[in-house]
Amino acid sequence: ALPIFVFQGGWAQWTLRATPRLTLHLFGGLEDDRNSDLGPKTISANRVFGGNIMYRLGPNVLASFEASQVRTTYIDLGLRLNTHYDLALAYLF
């Protein structure tokens, strides 16, 4: 018989338009497998959360800052954190 893998997870996003030029975004997600289906030193769960702020400098120009963190849990190895920061400038055609 083939093994049956169980997956649990989801994703959520939320946006707040503070002003016509300023928006705030929050996001998060989860992927969590059943550990009994996995071998040693494999990923058992990923969790991500973060947010960004976008400001419209002009009709076609956006500036944005984002911060996020991914928390990866490994079987037998524990938790690893990956924090990420981005700064962007975009021109809309």
Protein backbone atom coordinates (compact mmCIF):
# COMPACT_ATOMS: atom_id res chain seq x y z
CA ALA A 1 0.00 0.00 0.00
CA LEU A 2 1.16 3.52 -0.74
CA PRO A 3 1.66 5.86 2.22
CA ILE A 4 -0.91 8.61 2.71
CA PHE A 5 0.63 12.00 3.36
CA VAL A 6 -1.30 14.52 5.43
CA PHE A 7 -0.74 18.19 4.74
CA GLN A 8 -2.00 21.04 6.87
CA GLY A 9 -1.50 24.63 5.97
CA GLY A 10 -2.90 27.91 4.83
CA TRP A 11 -2.19 31.50 3.89
CA ALA A 12 -3.74 34.81 4.88
CA GLN A 13 -3.26 38.38 3.68
CA TRP A 14 -4.68 41.66 4.94
CA THR A 15 -4.48 45.13 3.41
CA LEU A 16 -5.30 48.48 4.97
CA ARG A 17 -5.50 51.55 2.76
CA ALA A 18 -4.50 54.21 5.30
CA THR A 19 -4.63 57.07 2.79
CA PRO A 20 -4.99 57.22 -1.02
CA ARG A 21 -1.15 57.09 -1.21
CA LEU A 22 -0.30 54.77 1.72
CA THR A 23 -1.17 51.07 2.13
CA LEU A 24 -0.16 48.57 4.79
CA HIS A 25 -0.05 44.83 4.11
CA LEU A 26 0.25 41.93 6.58
CA PHE A 27 0.64 38.29 5.56
CA GLY A 28 1.28 34.92 7.08
CA GLY A 29 1.26 31.26 6.23
CA LEU A 30 1.75 27.77 7.60
CA GLU A 31 2.75 24.41 6.13
CA ASP A 32 2.89 21.58 8.66
CA ASP A 33 3.31 17.93 7.70
CA ARG A 34 2.66 14.93 9.94
CA ASN A 35 6.06 14.11 11.41
CA SER A 36 5.44 10.36 11.36
CA ASP A 37 5.41 10.54 7.53
CA LEU A 38 8.85 12.14 7.38
CA GLY A 39 12.41 10.92 7.64
CA PRO A 40 15.18 12.27 9.85
CA LYS A 41 16.58 15.76 9.17
CA THR A 42 13.69 16.75 6.90
CA ILE A 43 11.47 19.83 7.16
CA SER A 44 8.44 19.23 9.36
CA ALA A 45 6.95 22.74 9.29
CA ASN A 46 7.33 26.19 7.73
CA ARG A 47 5.75 29.30 9.14
CA VAL A 48 6.07 32.72 7.54
CA PHE A 49 4.82 36.11 8.61
CA GLY A 50 5.57 39.66 7.62
CA GLY A 51 4.33 42.97 6.45
CA ASN A 52 5.07 45.85 4.16
CA ILE A 53 4.22 49.46 3.69
CA MET A 54 3.80 51.00 0.23
CA TYR A 55 3.76 54.71 -0.50
CA ARG A 56 2.82 56.21 -3.85
CA LEU A 57 5.38 58.98 -4.48
CA GLY A 58 3.73 60.02 -7.74
CA PRO A 59 1.15 58.72 -10.22
CA ASN A 60 3.53 56.03 -11.51
CA VAL A 61 6.15 55.71 -8.74
CA LEU A 62 5.93 53.48 -5.63
CA ALA A 63 8.30 53.07 -2.69
CA SER A 64 8.03 50.06 -0.39
CA PHE A 65 9.63 48.54 2.70
CA GLU A 66 9.00 44.93 3.71
CA ALA A 67 10.06 42.75 6.64
CA SER A 68 9.34 39.04 6.94
CA GLN A 69 10.49 35.97 8.80
CA VAL A 70 10.40 32.30 7.87
CA ARG A 71 10.55 29.79 10.73
CA THR A 72 11.54 26.33 9.50
CA THR A 73 11.38 23.37 11.88
CA TYR A 74 13.51 20.35 11.01
CA ILE A 75 13.09 16.86 12.44
CA ASP A 76 16.03 16.18 14.78
CA LEU A 77 17.62 19.58 14.06
CA GLY A 78 15.18 22.06 15.57
CA LEU A 79 14.14 25.55 14.52
CA ARG A 80 15.92 27.79 12.02
CA LEU A 81 14.99 31.45 11.47
CA ASN A 82 15.41 33.45 8.27
CA THR A 83 14.63 37.15 8.64
CA HIS A 84 14.39 39.19 5.44
CA TYR A 85 14.19 42.94 4.76
CA ASP A 86 13.46 44.57 1.39
CA LEU A 87 13.43 48.14 0.17
CA ALA A 88 12.00 48.78 -3.30
CA LEU A 89 11.33 51.58 -5.73
CA ALA A 90 8.99 50.81 -8.64
CA TYR A 91 7.85 52.61 -11.76
CA LEU A 92 4.43 51.59 -13.16
CA PHE A 93 4.18 51.60 -16.96
